[in-house]
């Protein structure tokens, strides 16, 4: 983790707190916009730090994943006690499809 980022976060939080106290003064619109911008910047910094920590933890403790081997499904043989016969259907010598509108 970067100490400068934590310092920046604490500084931004302090600025936001000060601006919230001054929010209801003469230039409250300006302060409201500034608070929104600082809060977004703070959120980005906190997100970056969290991602950095997650990456550091992932690099520190590498996990091993077992290799996956896809197996083909095996068909069981046809039961011997059931009757079965082989039927061969011959293909027609010519096309029997009727031509409809829009076909050549």
PDB file of N, CA and C in Angstrom:
ATOM      1  N   UNK A   1       0.847  -1.169   0.000  1.00  0.00           N
ATOM      2  CA  UNK A   1       0.000   0.000   0.000  1.00  0.00           C
ATOM      3  C   UNK A   1       0.890   1.229   0.000  1.00  0.00           C
ATOM      4  N   UNK A   2       0.410   2.273  -0.614  1.00  0.00           N
ATOM      5  CA  UNK A   2       1.176   3.498  -0.753  1.00  0.00           C
ATOM      6  C   UNK A   2       0.785   4.458   0.364  1.00  0.00           C
ATOM      7  N   UNK A   3       1.747   4.887   1.215  1.00  0.00           N
ATOM      8  CA  UNK A   3       1.424   5.809   2.298  1.00  0.00           C
ATOM      9  C   UNK A   3       0.933   7.159   1.776  1.00  0.00           C
ATOM     10  N   UNK A   4       1.428   7.593   0.625  1.00  0.00           N
ATOM     11  CA  UNK A   4       1.006   8.875   0.068  1.00  0.00           C
ATOM     12  C   UNK A   4      -0.484   8.849  -0.256  1.00  0.00           C
ATOM     13  N   UNK A   5      -1.003   7.715  -0.695  1.00  0.00           N
ATOM     14  CA  UNK A   5      -2.422   7.605  -1.000  1.00  0.00           C
ATOM     15  C   UNK A   5      -3.257   7.731   0.268  1.00  0.00           C
ATOM     16  N   UNK A   6      -2.807   7.116   1.344  1.00  0.00           N
ATOM     17  CA  UNK A   6      -3.536   7.218   2.611  1.00  0.00           C
ATOM     18  C   UNK A   6      -3.500   8.645   3.128  1.00  0.00           C
ATOM     19  N   UNK A   7      -2.367   9.330   2.955  1.00  0.00           N
ATOM     20  CA  UNK A   7      -2.282  10.737   3.350  1.00  0.00           C
ATOM     21  C   UNK A   7      -3.248  11.568   2.523  1.00  0.00           C
ATOM     22  N   UNK A   8      -3.325  11.281   1.243  1.00  0.00           N
ATOM     23  CA  UNK A   8      -4.230  12.013   0.360  1.00  0.00           C
ATOM     24  C   UNK A   8      -5.675  11.775   0.764  1.00  0.00           C
ATOM     25  N   UNK A   9      -6.003  10.537   1.114  1.00  0.00           N
ATOM     26  CA  UNK A   9      -7.364  10.208   1.548  1.00  0.00           C
ATOM     27  C   UNK A   9      -7.722  10.966   2.816  1.00  0.00           C
ATOM     28  N   UNK A  10      -6.834  10.986   3.808  1.00  0.00           N
ATOM     29  CA  UNK A  10      -7.135  11.711   5.044  1.00  0.00           C
ATOM     30  C   UNK A  10      -7.254  13.205   4.775  1.00  0.00           C
ATOM     31  N   UNK A  11      -6.416  13.742   3.882  1.00  0.00           N
ATOM     32  CA  UNK A  11      -6.498  15.161   3.523  1.00  0.00           C
ATOM     33  C   UNK A  11      -7.840  15.480   2.856  1.00  0.00           C
ATOM     34  N   UNK A  12      -8.272  14.617   1.925  1.00  0.00           N
ATOM     35  CA  UNK A  12      -9.552  14.831   1.258  1.00  0.00           C
ATOM     36  C   UNK A  12     -10.718  14.750   2.235  1.00  0.00           C
ATOM     37  N   UNK A  13     -10.662  13.809   3.158  1.00  0.00           N
ATOM     38  CA  UNK A  13     -11.731  13.697   4.155  1.00  0.00           C
ATOM     39  C   UNK A  13     -11.806  14.958   5.016  1.00  0.00           C
ATOM     40  N   UNK A  14     -10.660  15.505   5.383  1.00  0.00           N
ATOM     41  CA  UNK A  14     -10.608  16.736   6.174  1.00  0.00           C
ATOM     42  C   UNK A  14     -11.193  17.898   5.377  1.00  0.00           C
ATOM     43  N   UNK A  15     -10.833  18.001   4.112  1.00  0.00           N
ATOM     44  CA  UNK A  15     -11.372  19.071   3.270  1.00  0.00           C
ATOM     45  C   UNK A  15     -12.888  18.951   3.127  1.00  0.00           C
ATOM     46  N   UNK A  16     -13.368  17.744   2.930  1.00  0.00           N
ATOM     47  CA  UNK A  16     -14.808  17.521   2.791  1.00  0.00           C
ATOM     48  C   UNK A  16     -15.527  17.928   4.074  1.00  0.00           C
ATOM     49  N   UNK A  17     -14.965  17.564   5.226  1.00  0.00           N
ATOM     50  CA  UNK A  17     -15.585  17.931   6.502  1.00  0.00           C
ATOM     51  C   UNK A  17     -15.639  19.446   6.665  1.00  0.00           C
ATOM     52  N   UNK A  18     -14.553  20.145   6.313  1.00  0.00           N
ATOM     53  CA  UNK A  18     -14.526  21.611   6.416  1.00  0.00           C
ATOM     54  C   UNK A  18     -15.561  22.234   5.487  1.00  0.00           C
ATOM     55  N   UNK A  19     -15.637  21.726   4.250  1.00  0.00           N
ATOM     56  CA  UNK A  19     -16.578  22.282   3.288  1.00  0.00           C
ATOM     57  C   UNK A  19     -18.019  22.029   3.699  1.00  0.00           C
ATOM     58  N   UNK A  20     -18.287  20.908   4.325  1.00  0.00           N
ATOM     59  CA  UNK A  20     -19.652  20.637   4.777  1.00  0.00           C
ATOM     60  C   UNK A  20     -20.072  21.625   5.864  1.00  0.00           C
ATOM     61  N   UNK A  21     -19.113  22.000   6.713  1.00  0.00           N
ATOM     62  CA  UNK A  21     -19.432  22.993   7.746  1.00  0.00           C
ATOM     63  C   UNK A  21     -19.732  24.347   7.127  1.00  0.00           C
ATOM     64  N   UNK A  22     -19.065  24.672   6.020  1.00  0.00           N
ATOM     65  CA  UNK A  22     -19.249  25.957   5.356  1.00  0.00           C
ATOM     66  C   UNK A  22     -20.340  25.911   4.290  1.00  0.00           C
ATOM     67  N   UNK A  23     -20.951  24.784   4.107  1.00  0.00           N
ATOM     68  CA  UNK A  23     -21.859  24.557   2.987  1.00  0.00           C
ATOM     69  C   UNK A  23     -23.033  25.527   2.952  1.00  0.00           C
ATOM     70  N   UNK A  24     -23.505  25.957   4.063  1.00  0.00           N
ATOM     71  CA  UNK A  24     -24.707  26.771   4.082  1.00  0.00           C
ATOM     72  C   UNK A  24     -24.393  28.265   4.145  1.00  0.00           C
ATOM     73  N   UNK A  25     -23.248  28.667   3.628  1.00  0.00           N
ATOM     74  CA  UNK A  25     -22.857  30.076   3.603  1.00  0.00           C
ATOM     75  C   UNK A  25     -23.258  30.738   2.301  1.00  0.00           C
ATOM     76  N   UNK A  26     -22.556  31.853   1.962  1.00  0.00           N
ATOM     77  CA  UNK A  26     -22.878  32.631   0.765  1.00  0.00           C
ATOM     78  C   UNK A  26     -22.676  31.837  -0.517  1.00  0.00           C
ATOM     79  N   UNK A  27     -21.600  31.109  -0.587  1.00  0.00           N
ATOM     80  CA  UNK A  27     -21.284  30.399  -1.836  1.00  0.00           C
ATOM     81  C   UNK A  27     -21.546  28.905  -1.683  1.00  0.00           C
ATOM     82  N   UNK A  28     -22.734  28.560  -1.233  1.00  0.00           N
ATOM     83  CA  UNK A  28     -23.047  27.161  -0.956  1.00  0.00           C
ATOM     84  C   UNK A  28     -23.053  26.312  -2.224  1.00  0.00           C
ATOM     85  N   UNK A  29     -23.449  26.880  -3.371  1.00  0.00           N
ATOM     86  CA  UNK A  29     -23.436  26.113  -4.622  1.00  0.00           C
ATOM     87  C   UNK A  29     -22.026  25.694  -4.994  1.00  0.00           C
ATOM     88  N   UNK A  30     -21.090  26.604  -4.860  1.00  0.00           N
ATOM     89  CA  UNK A  30     -19.694  26.302  -5.188  1.00  0.00           C
ATOM     90  C   UNK A  30     -19.167  25.207  -4.258  1.00  0.00           C
ATOM     91  N   UNK A  31     -19.503  25.325  -2.985  1.00  0.00           N
ATOM     92  CA  UNK A  31     -19.039  24.326  -2.016  1.00  0.00           C
ATOM     93  C   UNK A  31     -19.667  22.960  -2.300  1.00  0.00           C
ATOM     94  N   UNK A  32     -20.923  22.940  -2.679  1.00  0.00           N
ATOM     95  CA  UNK A  32     -21.586  21.667  -2.967  1.00  0.00           C
ATOM     96  C   UNK A  32     -20.909  20.966  -4.142  1.00  0.00           C
ATOM     97  N   UNK A  33     -20.594  21.724  -5.191  1.00  0.00           N
ATOM     98  CA  UNK A  33     -19.907  21.127  -6.347  1.00  0.00           C
ATOM     99  C   UNK A  33     -18.512  20.646  -5.962  1.00  0.00           C
ATOM    100  N   UNK A  34     -17.829  21.446  -5.157  1.00  0.00           N
ATOM    101  CA  UNK A  34     -16.482  21.073  -4.731  1.00  0.00           C
ATOM    102  C   UNK A  34     -16.515  19.812  -3.867  1.00  0.00           C
ATOM    103  N   UNK A  35     -17.509  19.717  -3.007  1.00  0.00           N
ATOM    104  CA  UNK A  35     -17.653  18.522  -2.173  1.00  0.00           C
ATOM    105  C   UNK A  35     -17.882  17.292  -3.045  1.00  0.00           C
ATOM    106  N   UNK A  36     -18.737  17.418  -4.044  1.00  0.00           N
ATOM    107  CA  UNK A  36     -18.996  16.286  -4.946  1.00  0.00           C
ATOM    108  C   UNK A  36     -17.727  15.847  -5.660  1.00  0.00           C
ATOM    109  N   UNK A  37     -16.944  16.813  -6.137  1.00  0.00           N
ATOM    110  CA  UNK A  37     -15.702  16.485  -6.842  1.00  0.00           C
ATOM    111  C   UNK A  37     -14.713  15.814  -5.903  1.00  0.00           C
ATOM    112  N   UNK A  38     -14.589  16.330  -4.683  1.00  0.00           N
ATOM    113  CA  UNK A  38     -13.657  15.735  -3.728  1.00  0.00           C
ATOM    114  C   UNK A  38     -14.105  14.338  -3.323  1.00  0.00           C
ATOM    115  N   UNK A  39     -15.408  14.143  -3.163  1.00  0.00           N
ATOM    116  CA  UNK A  39     -15.907  12.807  -2.817  1.00  0.00           C
ATOM    117  C   UNK A  39     -15.646  11.807  -3.934  1.00  0.00           C
ATOM    118  N   UNK A  40     -15.784  12.244  -5.191  1.00  0.00           N
ATOM    119  CA  UNK A  40     -15.476  11.347  -6.311  1.00  0.00           C
ATOM    120  C   UNK A  40     -13.992  11.009  -6.327  1.00  0.00           C
ATOM    121  N   UNK A  41     -13.139  12.012  -6.093  1.00  0.00           N
ATOM    122  CA  UNK A  41     -11.705  11.768  -6.066  1.00  0.00           C
ATOM    123  C   UNK A  41     -11.351  10.815  -4.932  1.00  0.00           C
ATOM    124  N   UNK A  42     -11.989  11.001  -3.788  1.00  0.00           N
ATOM    125  CA  UNK A  42     -11.771  10.119  -2.647  1.00  0.00           C
ATOM    126  C   UNK A  42     -12.201   8.694  -2.975  1.00  0.00           C
ATOM    127  N   UNK A  43     -13.340   8.552  -3.633  1.00  0.00           N
ATOM    128  CA  UNK A  43     -13.828   7.229  -4.011  1.00  0.00           C
ATOM    129  C   UNK A  43     -12.860   6.531  -4.970  1.00  0.00           C
ATOM    130  N   UNK A  44     -12.328   7.285  -5.951  1.00  0.00           N
ATOM    131  CA  UNK A  44     -11.356   6.707  -6.880  1.00  0.00           C
ATOM    132  C   UNK A  44     -10.105   6.240  -6.152  1.00  0.00           C
ATOM    133  N   UNK A  45      -9.617   7.049  -5.219  1.00  0.00           N
ATOM    134  CA  UNK A  45      -8.416   6.666  -4.478  1.00  0.00           C
ATOM    135  C   UNK A  45      -8.664   5.421  -3.638  1.00  0.00           C
ATOM    136  N   UNK A  46      -9.812   5.370  -2.963  1.00  0.00           N
ATOM    137  CA  UNK A  46     -10.109   4.198  -2.143  1.00  0.00           C
ATOM    138  C   UNK A  46     -10.271   2.950  -3.007  1.00  0.00           C
ATOM    139  N   UNK A  47     -10.852   3.101  -4.173  1.00  0.00           N
ATOM    140  CA  UNK A  47     -10.998   1.966  -5.087  1.00  0.00           C
ATOM    141  C   UNK A  47      -9.630   1.492  -5.569  1.00  0.00           C
ATOM    142  N   UNK A  48      -8.765   2.430  -5.920  1.00  0.00           N
ATOM    143  CA  UNK A  48      -7.418   2.063  -6.363  1.00  0.00           C
ATOM    144  C   UNK A  48      -6.653   1.323  -5.278  1.00  0.00           C
ATOM    145  N   UNK A  49      -6.781   1.801  -4.042  1.00  0.00           N
ATOM    146  CA  UNK A  49      -6.087   1.138  -2.931  1.00  0.00           C
ATOM    147  C   UNK A  49      -6.647  -0.262  -2.725  1.00  0.00           C
ATOM    148  N   UNK A  50      -7.971  -0.406  -2.786  1.00  0.00           N
ATOM    149  CA  UNK A  50      -8.585  -1.727  -2.600  1.00  0.00           C
ATOM    150  C   UNK A  50      -8.147  -2.684  -3.702  1.00  0.00           C
ATOM    151  N   UNK A  51      -8.090  -2.202  -4.957  1.00  0.00           N
ATOM    152  CA  UNK A  51      -7.637  -3.055  -6.058  1.00  0.00           C
ATOM    153  C   UNK A  51      -6.173  -3.434  -5.874  1.00  0.00           C
ATOM    154  N   UNK A  52      -5.371  -2.484  -5.420  1.00  0.00           N
ATOM    155  CA  UNK A  52      -3.958  -2.772  -5.178  1.00  0.00           C
ATOM    156  C   UNK A  52      -3.770  -3.823  -4.106  1.00  0.00           C
ATOM    157  N   UNK A  53      -4.568  -3.724  -3.041  1.00  0.00           N
ATOM    158  CA  UNK A  53      -4.492  -4.726  -1.973  1.00  0.00           C
ATOM    159  C   UNK A  53      -4.907  -6.092  -2.490  1.00  0.00           C
ATOM    160  N   UNK A  54      -5.984  -6.129  -3.289  1.00  0.00           N
ATOM    161  CA  UNK A  54      -6.456  -7.407  -3.827  1.00  0.00           C
ATOM    162  C   UNK A  54      -5.405  -8.043  -4.728  1.00  0.00           C
ATOM    163  N   UNK A  55      -4.763  -7.221  -5.568  1.00  0.00           N
ATOM    164  CA  UNK A  55      -3.716  -7.751  -6.445  1.00  0.00           C
ATOM    165  C   UNK A  55      -2.531  -8.254  -5.638  1.00  0.00           C
ATOM    166  N   UNK A  56      -2.162  -7.501  -4.582  1.00  0.00           N
ATOM    167  CA  UNK A  56      -1.038  -7.912  -3.743  1.00  0.00           C
ATOM    168  C   UNK A  56      -1.339  -9.224  -3.041  1.00  0.00           C
ATOM    169  N   UNK A  57      -2.572  -9.379  -2.555  1.00  0.00           N
ATOM    170  CA  UNK A  57      -2.951 -10.626  -1.901  1.00  0.00           C
ATOM    171  C   UNK A  57      -2.967 -11.784  -2.896  1.00  0.00           C
ATOM    172  N   UNK A  58      -3.418 -11.513  -4.110  1.00  0.00           N
ATOM    173  CA  UNK A  58      -3.457 -12.559  -5.130  1.00  0.00           C
ATOM    174  C   UNK A  58      -2.050 -12.988  -5.515  1.00  0.00           C
ATOM    175  N   UNK A  59      -1.139 -12.043  -5.576  1.00  0.00           N
ATOM    176  CA  UNK A  59       0.239 -12.369  -5.930  1.00  0.00           C
ATOM    177  C   UNK A  59       0.945 -13.075  -4.772  1.00  0.00           C
ATOM    178  N   UNK A  60       0.576 -12.743  -3.535  1.00  0.00           N
ATOM    179  CA  UNK A  60       1.237 -13.322  -2.370  1.00  0.00           C
ATOM    180  C   UNK A  60       0.840 -14.776  -2.161  1.00  0.00           C
ATOM    181  N   UNK A  61      -0.410 -15.102  -2.397  1.00  0.00           N
ATOM    182  CA  UNK A  61      -0.871 -16.463  -2.174  1.00  0.00           C
ATOM    183  C   UNK A  61      -1.437 -17.038  -3.472  1.00  0.00           C
ATOM    184  N   UNK A  62      -0.570 -17.561  -4.324  1.00  0.00           N
ATOM    185  CA  UNK A  62      -1.077 -18.128  -5.581  1.00  0.00           C
ATOM    186  C   UNK A  62      -1.885 -19.395  -5.298  1.00  0.00           C
ATOM    187  N   UNK A  63      -3.018 -19.481  -5.880  1.00  0.00           N
ATOM    188  CA  UNK A  63      -3.855 -20.659  -5.703  1.00  0.00           C
ATOM    189  C   UNK A  63      -3.636 -21.594  -6.880  1.00  0.00           C
ATOM    190  N   UNK A  64      -3.710 -22.868  -6.605  1.00  0.00           N
ATOM    191  CA  UNK A  64      -3.538 -23.847  -7.666  1.00  0.00           C
ATOM    192  C   UNK A  64      -4.913 -24.366  -8.065  1.00  0.00           C
ATOM    193  N   UNK A  65      -5.100 -24.475  -9.323  1.00  0.00           N
ATOM    194  CA  UNK A  65      -6.362 -24.960  -9.865  1.00  0.00           C
ATOM    195  C   UNK A  65      -6.081 -26.273 -10.588  1.00  0.00           C
ATOM    196  N   UNK A  66      -6.850 -27.280 -10.263  1.00  0.00           N
ATOM    197  CA  UNK A  66      -6.663 -28.576 -10.903  1.00  0.00           C
ATOM    198  C   UNK A  66      -7.065 -28.481 -12.372  1.00  0.00           C
ATOM    199  N   UNK A  67      -6.335 -29.167 -13.207  1.00  0.00           N
ATOM    200  CA  UNK A  67      -6.628 -29.155 -14.639  1.00  0.00           C
ATOM    201  C   UNK A  67      -7.960 -29.854 -14.888  1.00  0.00           C
ATOM    202  N   UNK A  68      -8.688 -29.339 -15.830  1.00  0.00           N
ATOM    203  CA  UNK A  68      -9.992 -29.903 -16.159  1.00  0.00           C
ATOM    204  C   UNK A  68      -9.886 -30.639 -17.478  1.00  0.00           C
ATOM    205  N   UNK A  69     -10.308 -31.872 -17.485  1.00  0.00           N
ATOM    206  CA  UNK A  69     -10.282 -32.660 -18.709  1.00  0.00           C
ATOM    207  C   UNK A  69     -11.708 -33.066 -19.041  1.00  0.00           C
ATOM    208  N   UNK A  70     -12.163 -32.638 -20.190  1.00  0.00           N
ATOM    209  CA  UNK A  70     -13.531 -32.942 -20.594  1.00  0.00           C
ATOM    210  C   UNK A  70     -13.599 -34.392 -21.073  1.00  0.00           C
ATOM    211  N   UNK A  71     -14.540 -35.108 -20.522  1.00  0.00           N
ATOM    212  CA  UNK A  71     -14.725 -36.500 -20.926  1.00  0.00           C
ATOM    213  C   UNK A  71     -15.957 -36.599 -21.805  1.00  0.00           C
ATOM    214  N   UNK A  72     -15.875 -37.407 -22.824  1.00  0.00           N
ATOM    215  CA  UNK A  72     -17.022 -37.632 -23.701  1.00  0.00           C
ATOM    216  C   UNK A  72     -18.015 -38.538 -22.989  1.00  0.00           C
ATOM    217  N   UNK A  73     -19.292 -38.293 -23.184  1.00  0.00           N
ATOM    218  CA  UNK A  73     -20.266 -39.177 -22.557  1.00  0.00           C
ATOM    219  C   UNK A  73     -20.207 -40.563 -23.194  1.00  0.00           C
ATOM    220  N   UNK A  74     -20.231 -41.552 -22.372  1.00  0.00           N
ATOM    221  CA  UNK A  74     -20.157 -42.937 -22.871  1.00  0.00           C
ATOM    222  C   UNK A  74     -21.572 -43.504 -22.952  1.00  0.00           C
ATOM    223  N   UNK A  75     -21.901 -44.023 -24.123  1.00  0.00           N
ATOM    224  CA  UNK A  75     -23.221 -44.638 -24.286  1.00  0.00           C
ATOM    225  C   UNK A  75     -23.176 -46.059 -23.760  1.00  0.00           C
ATOM    226  N   UNK A  76     -24.246 -46.387 -23.106  1.00  0.00           N
ATOM    227  CA  UNK A  76     -24.357 -47.764 -22.625  1.00  0.00           C
ATOM    228  C   UNK A  76     -24.812 -48.623 -23.803  1.00  0.00           C
ATOM    229  N   UNK A  77     -24.394 -49.858 -23.865  1.00  0.00           N
ATOM    230  CA  UNK A  77     -24.832 -50.722 -24.967  1.00  0.00           C
ATOM    231  C   UNK A  77     -26.327 -50.996 -24.866  1.00  0.00           C
ATOM    232  N   UNK A  78     -26.921 -51.245 -26.040  1.00  0.00           N
ATOM    233  CA  UNK A  78     -28.350 -51.537 -26.110  1.00  0.00           C
ATOM    234  C   UNK A  78     -28.618 -52.828 -25.344  1.00  0.00           C
ATOM    235  N   UNK A  79     -29.615 -52.852 -24.471  1.00  0.00           N
ATOM    236  CA  UNK A  79     -29.886 -54.064 -23.676  1.00  0.00           C
ATOM    237  C   UNK A  79     -30.208 -55.271 -24.559  1.00  0.00           C
ATOM    238  N   UNK A  80     -29.669 -56.408 -24.204  1.00  0.00           N
ATOM    239  CA  UNK A  80     -29.836 -57.649 -24.992  1.00  0.00           C
ATOM    240  C   UNK A  80     -31.267 -58.172 -24.946  1.00  0.00           C
ATOM    241  N   UNK A  81     -31.968 -57.916 -23.862  1.00  0.00           N
ATOM    242  CA  UNK A  81     -33.307 -58.500 -23.721  1.00  0.00           C
ATOM    243  C   UNK A  81     -34.375 -57.738 -24.511  1.00  0.00           C
ATOM    244  N   UNK A  82     -34.070 -56.565 -25.065  1.00  0.00           N
ATOM    245  CA  UNK A  82     -35.041 -55.821 -25.862  1.00  0.00           C
ATOM    246  C   UNK A  82     -34.897 -56.198 -27.329  1.00  0.00           C
ATOM    247  N   UNK A  83     -36.051 -56.345 -28.027  1.00  0.00           N
ATOM    248  CA  UNK A  83     -35.960 -56.691 -29.457  1.00  0.00           C
ATOM    249  C   UNK A  83     -35.530 -55.460 -30.254  1.00  0.00           C
ATOM    250  N   UNK A  84     -34.745 -55.716 -31.277  1.00  0.00           N
ATOM    251  CA  UNK A  84     -34.329 -54.604 -32.135  1.00  0.00           C
ATOM    252  C   UNK A  84     -34.126 -55.122 -33.550  1.00  0.00           C
ATOM    253  N   UNK A  85     -34.393 -54.265 -34.514  1.00  0.00           N
ATOM    254  CA  UNK A  85     -34.172 -54.626 -35.909  1.00  0.00           C
ATOM    255  C   UNK A  85     -33.631 -53.405 -36.629  1.00  0.00           C
ATOM    256  N   UNK A  86     -32.886 -53.620 -37.647  1.00  0.00           N
ATOM    257  CA  UNK A  86     -32.269 -52.551 -38.416  1.00  0.00           C
ATOM    258  C   UNK A  86     -33.128 -52.290 -39.645  1.00  0.00           C
ATOM    259  N   UNK A  87     -33.536 -51.004 -39.828  1.00  0.00           N
ATOM    260  CA  UNK A  87     -34.363 -50.624 -40.961  1.00  0.00           C
ATOM    261  C   UNK A  87     -33.558 -49.647 -41.802  1.00  0.00           C
ATOM    262  N   UNK A  88     -33.423 -49.933 -43.100  1.00  0.00           N
ATOM    263  CA  UNK A  88     -32.691 -49.055 -44.012  1.00  0.00           C
ATOM    264  C   UNK A  88     -33.700 -48.430 -44.949  1.00  0.00           C
ATOM    265  N   UNK A  89     -33.754 -47.113 -44.992  1.00  0.00           N
ATOM    266  CA  UNK A  89     -34.667 -46.390 -45.873  1.00  0.00           C
ATOM    267  C   UNK A  89     -33.833 -45.841 -47.015  1.00  0.00           C
ATOM    268  N   UNK A  90     -34.227 -46.216 -48.244  1.00  0.00           N
ATOM    269  CA  UNK A  90     -33.471 -45.772 -49.406  1.00  0.00           C
ATOM    270  C   UNK A  90     -33.854 -44.346 -49.757  1.00  0.00           C
ATOM    271  N   UNK A  91     -32.888 -43.575 -50.230  1.00  0.00           N
ATOM    272  CA  UNK A  91     -33.119 -42.188 -50.623  1.00  0.00           C
ATOM    273  C   UNK A  91     -33.867 -42.163 -51.944  1.00  0.00           C
ATOM    274  N   UNK A  92     -34.764 -41.159 -52.159  1.00  0.00           N
ATOM    275  CA  UNK A  92     -35.498 -41.076 -53.435  1.00  0.00           C
ATOM    276  C   UNK A  92     -34.552 -40.741 -54.583  1.00  0.00           C
ATOM    277  N   UNK A  93     -34.911 -41.164 -55.779  1.00  0.00           N
ATOM    278  CA  UNK A  93     -34.078 -40.942 -56.960  1.00  0.00           C
ATOM    279  C   UNK A  93     -34.167 -39.493 -57.421  1.00  0.00           C
ATOM    280  N   UNK A  94     -35.288 -38.813 -57.164  1.00  0.00           N
ATOM    281  CA  UNK A  94     -35.428 -37.416 -57.556  1.00  0.00           C
ATOM    282  C   UNK A  94     -35.994 -36.629 -56.376  1.00  0.00           C
ATOM    283  N   UNK A  95     -35.863 -35.310 -56.485  1.00  0.00           N
ATOM    284  CA  UNK A  95     -36.322 -34.424 -55.415  1.00  0.00           C
ATOM    285  C   UNK A  95     -37.841 -34.340 -55.458  1.00  0.00           C
ATOM    286  N   UNK A  96     -38.498 -34.561 -54.355  1.00  0.00           N
ATOM    287  CA  UNK A  96     -39.952 -34.519 -54.305  1.00  0.00           C
ATOM    288  C   UNK A  96     -40.475 -33.218 -53.719  1.00  0.00           C
ATOM    289  N   UNK A  97     -39.618 -32.278 -53.495  1.00  0.00           N
ATOM    290  CA  UNK A  97     -40.018 -31.003 -52.888  1.00  0.00           C
ATOM    291  C   UNK A  97     -40.772 -30.164 -53.918  1.00  0.00           C
ATOM    292  N   UNK A  98     -41.895 -29.626 -53.499  1.00  0.00           N
ATOM    293  CA  UNK A  98     -42.694 -28.776 -54.371  1.00  0.00           C
ATOM    294  C   UNK A  98     -42.121 -27.384 -54.358  1.00  0.00           C
ATOM    295  N   UNK A  99     -41.989 -26.770 -55.511  1.00  0.00           N
ATOM    296  CA  UNK A  99     -41.476 -25.410 -55.588  1.00  0.00           C
ATOM    297  C   UNK A  99     -42.608 -24.456 -55.251  1.00  0.00           C
ATOM    298  N   UNK A 100     -42.363 -23.573 -54.307  1.00  0.00           N
ATOM    299  CA  UNK A 100     -43.364 -22.607 -53.900  1.00  0.00           C
ATOM    300  C   UNK A 100     -43.022 -21.242 -54.450  1.00  0.00           C
ATOM    301  N   UNK A 101     -43.823 -20.223 -54.107  1.00  0.00           N
ATOM    302  CA  UNK A 101     -43.546 -18.881 -54.607  1.00  0.00           C
ATOM    303  C   UNK A 101     -42.214 -18.358 -54.062  1.00  0.00           C
ATOM    304  N   UNK A 102     -41.451 -17.714 -54.885  1.00  0.00           N
ATOM    305  CA  UNK A 102     -40.175 -17.152 -54.474  1.00  0.00           C
ATOM    306  C   UNK A 102     -39.019 -18.111 -54.540  1.00  0.00           C
ATOM    307  N   UNK A 103     -39.233 -19.352 -55.007  1.00  0.00           N
ATOM    308  CA  UNK A 103     -38.123 -20.320 -55.132  1.00  0.00           C
ATOM    309  C   UNK A 103     -37.881 -20.568 -56.607  1.00  0.00           C
ATOM    310  N   UNK A 104     -36.698 -20.903 -56.949  1.00  0.00           N
ATOM    311  CA  UNK A 104     -36.356 -21.141 -58.366  1.00  0.00           C
ATOM    312  C   UNK A 104     -36.393 -22.602 -58.687  1.00  0.00           C
TER     313      UNK A 104
END
